[in-house]
Protein backbone atom coordinates (compact mmCIF):
# COMPACT_ATOMS: atom_id res chain seq x y z
CA MET A 1 95.05 8.11 -134.81
CA ASN A 2 91.83 6.18 -135.48
CA ASP A 3 90.90 4.45 -138.73
CA ARG A 4 88.76 6.60 -141.00
CA THR A 5 86.59 6.39 -144.08
CA THR A 6 88.10 7.66 -147.32
CA GLY A 7 86.38 10.03 -149.73
CA ASP A 8 85.03 7.19 -151.90
CA GLY A 9 83.39 5.56 -148.89
CA THR A 10 85.86 2.64 -148.52
CA ARG A 11 87.57 1.79 -145.28
CA ASP A 12 91.07 3.16 -144.78
CA THR A 13 93.27 0.13 -144.07
CA SER A 14 96.33 2.16 -143.10
CA GLY A 15 95.18 2.96 -139.56
CA PRO A 16 96.30 1.10 -136.41
CA THR A 17 92.99 -0.72 -135.92
CA ALA A 18 92.99 -2.06 -139.47
CA ARG A 19 96.62 -3.13 -139.18
CA HIS A 20 95.85 -4.83 -135.88
CA ASP A 21 92.89 -6.68 -137.42
CA ARG A 22 95.01 -7.83 -140.33
CA MET A 23 97.76 -9.06 -138.00
CA ASP A 24 95.17 -11.06 -136.07
CA ARG A 25 93.99 -12.69 -139.30
CA VAL A 26 97.59 -13.61 -140.12
CA THR A 27 98.58 -14.74 -136.64
CA GLN A 28 95.59 -16.92 -135.77
CA PRO A 29 96.02 -19.56 -138.52
CA PHE A 30 99.79 -19.69 -137.99
CA VAL A 31 99.35 -20.30 -134.25
CA ALA A 32 96.57 -22.82 -134.91
CA HIS A 33 98.81 -24.88 -137.22
CA ARG A 34 102.17 -24.22 -135.58
CA ASN A 35 102.54 -27.68 -133.98
CA LEU A 36 101.70 -29.32 -137.30
CA LEU A 37 104.22 -27.14 -139.15
CA PHE A 38 106.92 -27.92 -136.58
CA THR A 39 106.22 -31.64 -136.94
CA VAL A 40 106.50 -31.43 -140.75
CA ALA A 41 109.81 -29.57 -140.50
CA TYR A 42 111.19 -31.84 -137.78
CA GLU A 43 110.35 -35.03 -139.68
CA MET A 44 112.08 -33.65 -142.73
CA LEU A 45 115.17 -32.41 -140.87
CA GLY A 46 115.59 -34.55 -137.75
CA SER A 47 116.59 -31.39 -135.90
CA ALA A 48 114.38 -29.36 -133.58
CA ALA A 49 116.67 -26.34 -133.76
CA ASP A 50 116.58 -26.31 -137.56
CA ALA A 51 112.81 -26.94 -137.52
CA GLU A 52 112.39 -23.81 -135.39
CA ASP A 53 114.47 -21.86 -137.92
CA VAL A 54 112.18 -23.12 -140.68
CA LEU A 55 109.11 -21.99 -138.74
CA GLN A 56 110.63 -18.53 -138.36
CA GLU A 57 111.18 -18.32 -142.11
CA THR A 58 107.66 -19.63 -142.71
CA TRP A 59 106.24 -16.88 -140.49
CA LEU A 60 108.21 -14.17 -142.28
CA ARG A 61 106.79 -15.30 -145.62
CA TRP A 62 103.27 -15.86 -144.30
CA VAL A 63 103.06 -12.41 -142.71
CA GLY A 64 103.46 -10.88 -146.16
CA VAL A 65 100.44 -12.77 -147.51
CA ASP A 66 96.85 -11.53 -147.46
CA PRO A 67 95.14 -14.45 -145.64
CA ASP A 68 91.79 -13.54 -147.17
CA THR A 69 93.14 -14.54 -150.60
CA VAL A 70 94.22 -18.03 -149.42
CA ARG A 71 91.59 -20.74 -149.92
CA ASP A 72 93.25 -23.42 -147.75
CA GLN A 73 95.47 -21.77 -145.14
CA ARG A 74 96.68 -25.07 -143.67
CA ALA A 75 97.84 -26.37 -147.06
CA TYR A 76 99.42 -23.01 -147.89
CA LEU A 77 101.39 -22.95 -144.63
CA VAL A 78 102.50 -26.57 -145.09
CA ARG A 79 103.69 -25.67 -148.59
CA ILE A 80 105.79 -22.76 -147.31
CA THR A 81 107.21 -24.93 -144.51
CA THR A 82 108.07 -27.76 -146.90
CA ARG A 83 109.92 -25.48 -149.29
CA GLN A 84 111.91 -23.91 -146.46
CA ALA A 85 112.67 -27.34 -144.99
CA LEU A 86 113.88 -28.63 -148.37
CA SER A 87 116.29 -25.72 -148.62
CA GLN A 88 117.49 -26.33 -145.07
CA LEU A 89 117.78 -30.08 -145.69
CA ARG A 90 120.24 -29.53 -148.51
CA THR A 91 122.32 -27.28 -146.26
CA LEU A 92 122.23 -29.91 -143.51
CA GLY A 93 123.44 -32.54 -145.97
CA ARG A 94 126.62 -30.54 -146.58
CA ARG A 95 127.03 -30.02 -142.82
CA LYS A 96 126.70 -33.74 -142.10
CA GLU A 97 129.50 -34.55 -144.53
CA SER A 98 131.99 -33.00 -142.08
CA TYR A 99 130.23 -34.23 -138.90
CA VAL A 100 132.51 -36.04 -136.44
CA GLY A 101 131.31 -39.61 -135.86
CA PRO A 102 127.77 -40.91 -136.42
CA TRP A 103 125.03 -38.30 -136.90
CA LEU A 104 121.80 -38.96 -134.98
CA PRO A 105 118.52 -37.02 -135.00
CA GLU A 106 117.91 -34.50 -132.25
CA PRO A 107 115.81 -36.28 -129.57
CA LEU A 108 112.56 -34.75 -128.33
CA LEU A 109 110.79 -35.26 -125.03
CA THR A 110 107.27 -35.96 -126.26
CA THR A 111 103.83 -35.76 -124.68
CA PRO A 112 101.88 -38.97 -123.91
CA ASP A 113 99.41 -38.38 -126.74
CA VAL A 114 102.19 -38.86 -129.30
CA ALA A 115 102.67 -42.46 -128.15
CA GLU A 116 98.91 -43.01 -128.41
CA ASP A 117 98.98 -42.04 -132.10
CA VAL A 118 100.78 -45.14 -133.37
CA GLU A 119 101.43 -43.80 -136.87
CA LEU A 120 102.77 -40.48 -135.59
CA ALA A 121 104.97 -42.19 -132.99
CA ASP A 122 106.39 -44.50 -135.66
CA SER A 123 107.08 -41.60 -138.02
CA VAL A 124 109.08 -39.60 -135.45
CA SER A 125 110.89 -42.53 -133.84
CA MET A 126 114.68 -42.35 -133.90
CA ALA A 127 114.76 -45.52 -135.99
CA MET A 128 112.40 -44.11 -138.62
CA LEU A 129 114.16 -40.74 -138.75
CA LEU A 130 117.38 -42.61 -139.53
CA VAL A 131 115.61 -44.51 -142.29
CA LEU A 132 114.38 -41.19 -143.71
CA GLU A 133 118.00 -40.01 -143.75
CA THR A 134 118.64 -42.52 -146.55
CA LEU A 135 116.15 -40.79 -148.86
CA THR A 136 116.93 -37.86 -151.13
CA PRO A 137 115.54 -34.51 -149.91
CA THR A 138 112.64 -34.59 -152.37
CA GLU A 139 111.86 -38.25 -151.61
CA ARG A 140 111.82 -37.45 -147.92
CA ALA A 141 109.48 -34.51 -148.37
CA VAL A 142 107.08 -36.51 -150.54
CA PHE A 143 107.11 -39.50 -148.20
CA VAL A 144 106.49 -37.39 -145.10
CA LEU A 145 103.70 -35.33 -146.64
CA ARG A 146 101.96 -38.34 -148.19
CA GLU A 147 102.48 -41.18 -145.71
CA VAL A 148 102.45 -39.23 -142.45
CA PHE A 149 100.22 -36.23 -143.16
CA ALA A 150 98.07 -37.77 -145.94
CA LEU A 151 98.31 -34.75 -148.22
CA GLY A 152 96.94 -35.10 -151.73
CA TYR A 153 99.32 -35.50 -154.65
CA ASP A 154 98.21 -32.12 -155.99
CA GLU A 155 99.17 -30.38 -152.73
CA ILE A 156 102.51 -32.21 -152.57
CA ALA A 157 103.25 -31.35 -156.18
CA GLU A 158 102.88 -27.65 -155.39
CA ALA A 159 105.04 -27.98 -152.28
CA VAL A 160 107.97 -29.67 -154.04
CA ASP A 161 107.56 -28.01 -157.46
CA LYS A 162 107.01 -31.27 -159.34
CA SER A 163 104.22 -32.58 -161.51
CA GLN A 164 101.62 -34.87 -159.93
CA ALA A 165 102.85 -37.75 -162.10
CA ALA A 166 106.41 -37.22 -160.88
CA VAL A 167 105.24 -37.01 -157.27
CA ARG A 168 103.39 -40.33 -157.61
CA GLN A 169 106.55 -42.00 -158.90
CA ILE A 170 108.67 -40.45 -156.14
CA ALA A 171 106.14 -41.54 -153.50
CA HIS A 172 106.15 -45.13 -154.83
CA ARG A 173 109.96 -45.24 -154.85
CA ALA A 174 110.27 -43.72 -151.35
CA ARG A 175 107.60 -46.03 -149.94
CA ALA A 176 109.42 -49.13 -151.22
CA HIS A 177 112.74 -47.82 -149.93
CA VAL A 178 111.36 -47.20 -146.44
CA ALA A 179 109.43 -50.50 -146.33
CA ALA A 180 112.66 -52.43 -146.91
CA ARG A 181 114.26 -50.73 -143.90
CA ARG A 182 111.38 -50.49 -141.41
CA PRO A 183 111.45 -52.37 -138.07
CA ARG A 184 111.03 -56.07 -138.69
CA GLY A 185 108.11 -56.68 -136.34
CA VAL A 186 105.22 -54.65 -134.97
CA VAL A 187 105.77 -53.90 -131.29
CA SER A 188 103.06 -52.65 -128.96
CA ALA A 189 103.77 -49.76 -126.61
CA ALA A 190 103.45 -52.13 -123.63
CA GLU A 191 105.92 -54.61 -125.14
CA ALA A 192 108.42 -51.87 -125.93
CA ARG A 193 108.10 -50.46 -122.42
CA HIS A 194 108.61 -53.92 -120.89
CA THR A 195 111.74 -54.51 -123.00
CA VAL A 196 113.19 -51.12 -122.08
CA GLU A 197 112.52 -51.75 -118.37
CA ALA A 198 114.22 -55.16 -118.56
CA PHE A 199 117.15 -53.61 -120.44
CA GLN A 200 117.54 -50.91 -117.79
CA GLN A 201 117.53 -53.46 -114.99
CA ALA A 202 120.09 -55.67 -116.75
CA VAL A 203 122.46 -52.74 -117.29
CA GLU A 204 122.08 -51.39 -113.75
CA THR A 205 122.66 -54.80 -112.14
CA GLY A 206 125.46 -55.77 -114.49
CA ASP A 207 123.58 -58.90 -115.55
CA LEU A 208 125.51 -59.88 -118.69
CA GLN A 209 123.45 -62.98 -119.45
CA ARG A 210 120.13 -61.12 -119.21
CA LEU A 211 121.51 -58.31 -121.34
CA LEU A 212 122.59 -60.76 -124.05
CA GLU A 213 119.10 -62.27 -124.00
CA LEU A 214 117.60 -58.84 -124.69
CA LEU A 215 120.03 -57.78 -127.42
CA ALA A 216 119.54 -59.02 -130.98
CA PRO A 217 122.64 -60.83 -132.31
CA ASP A 218 123.14 -58.06 -134.90
CA VAL A 219 122.28 -55.12 -132.60
CA VAL A 220 123.95 -51.82 -133.52
CA LEU A 221 124.98 -49.07 -131.07
CA LEU A 222 125.42 -45.58 -132.53
CA ALA A 223 126.80 -42.77 -130.38
CA ASP A 224 126.59 -39.11 -131.37
CA GLY A 225 129.07 -36.84 -129.61
CA GLY A 226 129.47 -34.46 -132.53
CA GLY A 227 133.16 -34.12 -131.77
CA VAL A 228 132.20 -32.12 -128.66
CA VAL A 229 132.08 -34.92 -126.08
CA ARG A 230 133.54 -38.41 -126.03
CA ALA A 231 131.65 -40.99 -128.07
CA ALA A 232 132.45 -43.98 -130.27
CA LEU A 233 133.36 -42.74 -133.73
CA ALA A 234 132.14 -45.90 -135.45
CA PRO A 235 129.09 -48.13 -134.96
CA VAL A 236 129.44 -50.89 -132.36
CA VAL A 237 127.96 -54.06 -133.86
CA GLY A 238 126.93 -57.36 -132.28
CA ALA A 239 125.41 -58.36 -128.94
CA ASP A 240 128.73 -59.29 -127.28
CA GLN A 241 130.45 -56.05 -128.25
CA VAL A 242 127.48 -53.83 -127.35
CA ALA A 243 126.98 -55.59 -124.00
CA GLN A 244 130.63 -55.11 -123.10
CA VAL A 245 130.44 -51.39 -123.91
CA LEU A 246 127.28 -50.96 -121.82
CA LEU A 247 128.58 -52.84 -118.80
CA ARG A 248 131.94 -51.06 -118.98
CA ILE A 249 130.26 -47.70 -118.48
CA ALA A 250 127.35 -48.92 -116.32
CA ASP A 251 128.90 -47.67 -113.09
CA ALA A 252 128.89 -44.12 -114.42
CA MET A 253 125.32 -44.37 -115.69
CA SER A 254 122.23 -43.44 -113.71
CA LEU A 255 119.38 -44.40 -116.02
CA GLN A 256 115.98 -42.76 -115.84
CA PRO A 257 112.99 -43.85 -117.93
CA THR A 258 111.46 -41.23 -120.20
CA GLN A 259 109.47 -40.84 -123.42
CA ILE A 260 111.57 -39.79 -126.40
CA ASN A 261 110.11 -39.32 -129.88
CA GLY A 262 107.01 -41.25 -128.90
CA ASP A 263 108.91 -44.30 -127.59
CA PRO A 264 110.09 -45.46 -124.16
CA ALA A 265 113.73 -44.42 -123.71
CA LEU A 266 116.35 -43.73 -121.04
CA THR A 267 118.25 -40.63 -120.00
CA VAL A 268 121.51 -40.25 -118.12
CA ARG A 269 121.97 -37.24 -115.86
CA LEU A 270 125.22 -35.94 -114.43
CA GLY A 271 125.14 -33.15 -111.88
CA GLY A 272 121.45 -32.73 -112.51
CA GLU A 273 121.97 -32.10 -116.24
CA ILE A 274 121.08 -34.50 -119.04
CA ASP A 275 124.31 -36.05 -120.29
CA THR A 276 122.96 -38.68 -122.70
CA VAL A 277 119.70 -39.78 -124.24
CA LEU A 278 119.56 -43.50 -124.98
CA ALA A 279 116.81 -44.41 -127.43
CA LEU A 280 116.13 -48.05 -128.22
CA ARG A 281 114.76 -49.73 -131.33
CA VAL A 282 112.80 -52.81 -130.34
CA ASP A 283 111.81 -55.53 -132.83
CA ASP A 284 110.02 -58.69 -131.66
CA SER A 285 110.95 -57.98 -128.02
CA LEU A 286 114.67 -57.68 -128.85
CA VAL A 287 116.76 -54.51 -128.87
CA THR A 288 118.04 -54.17 -132.42
CA GLY A 289 119.29 -50.59 -132.23
CA LEU A 290 120.71 -48.30 -129.56
CA TYR A 291 121.03 -44.58 -130.23
CA ALA A 292 123.10 -42.64 -127.70
CA VAL A 293 122.84 -38.89 -128.25
CA ARG A 294 125.55 -37.06 -126.27
CA ASN A 295 126.15 -33.94 -128.34
CA PRO A 296 125.13 -31.13 -125.92
CA GLU A 297 123.79 -29.05 -128.81
CA LYS A 298 121.15 -31.73 -129.41
CA LEU A 299 119.95 -31.98 -125.81
CA SER A 300 118.55 -28.49 -125.33
CA HIS A 301 114.91 -29.39 -126.09
CA LEU A 302 114.63 -32.03 -123.36
CA GLU A 303 113.64 -29.95 -120.35
CA ARG A 304 110.06 -29.61 -121.57
CA ALA A 305 107.81 -31.77 -123.70
CA THR A 306 107.32 -30.92 -127.36
CA THR A 307 103.81 -31.12 -128.78
CA LEU A 308 103.69 -32.85 -132.18
CA ARG A 309 100.63 -32.94 -134.42
CA ARG A 310 99.47 -34.51 -137.67
């Protein structure tokens, strides 16, 4: 049945053509901003799987909106995504309380352009995502929306259901909290890559002295097996202890360089499948943090690159 004109001369919007046109008007902005919305959700949750769930919920709410009544579709979509992510973040917090061993963010294979955007790469790095874990859900949302995506305080206030004055205070508090825990020194992409390459060579050749030269004295190794696969249940602290752990398992490791969350990293494959992702935090040319993600549930997004956007 074709669309038709009603008796009063207005267009009948119940026909298939009108419905198709409306769906196009709904779909186009969502698709245009999808990578941005995923990035917002991922930075808030540290989980690609949960970020995808948030996007699904965002779509279900957006499809019920008349896009012609929305002045700023990008801001509106970000607001829906933020609210859904906040709800999910509180659920994740309860889930993490019973998590077996250290919890690490879900690693993402990222495209080269992420590394070229220094601020974006820093915001999605494993080290930064762990810093964000120390914020309250609302602090995390405000920090991400303000510091990473440069949203105005009025937009953030609507997204988190707070007054602008409250959002300014939360932003100030979150900014100070993160600043106290950020990497100690600025590291260029070339320097980080060089350090990771040297680290890989030292591990593969069993060069203990070289490995100790690359590890900071207070380096921390965190391993996330999620209770599914074998992994250290407590942080391994100190260059000597970390080096011993690495060299003890070096024979079973076949390291391959890759780009994880915007930073140079290493993967371990067994039988052609990714067994472990090893992300490194580099400060002043020293490895200060090692994040070994082994939980199979967190390795499903690594066969193809994820596009992130600000």
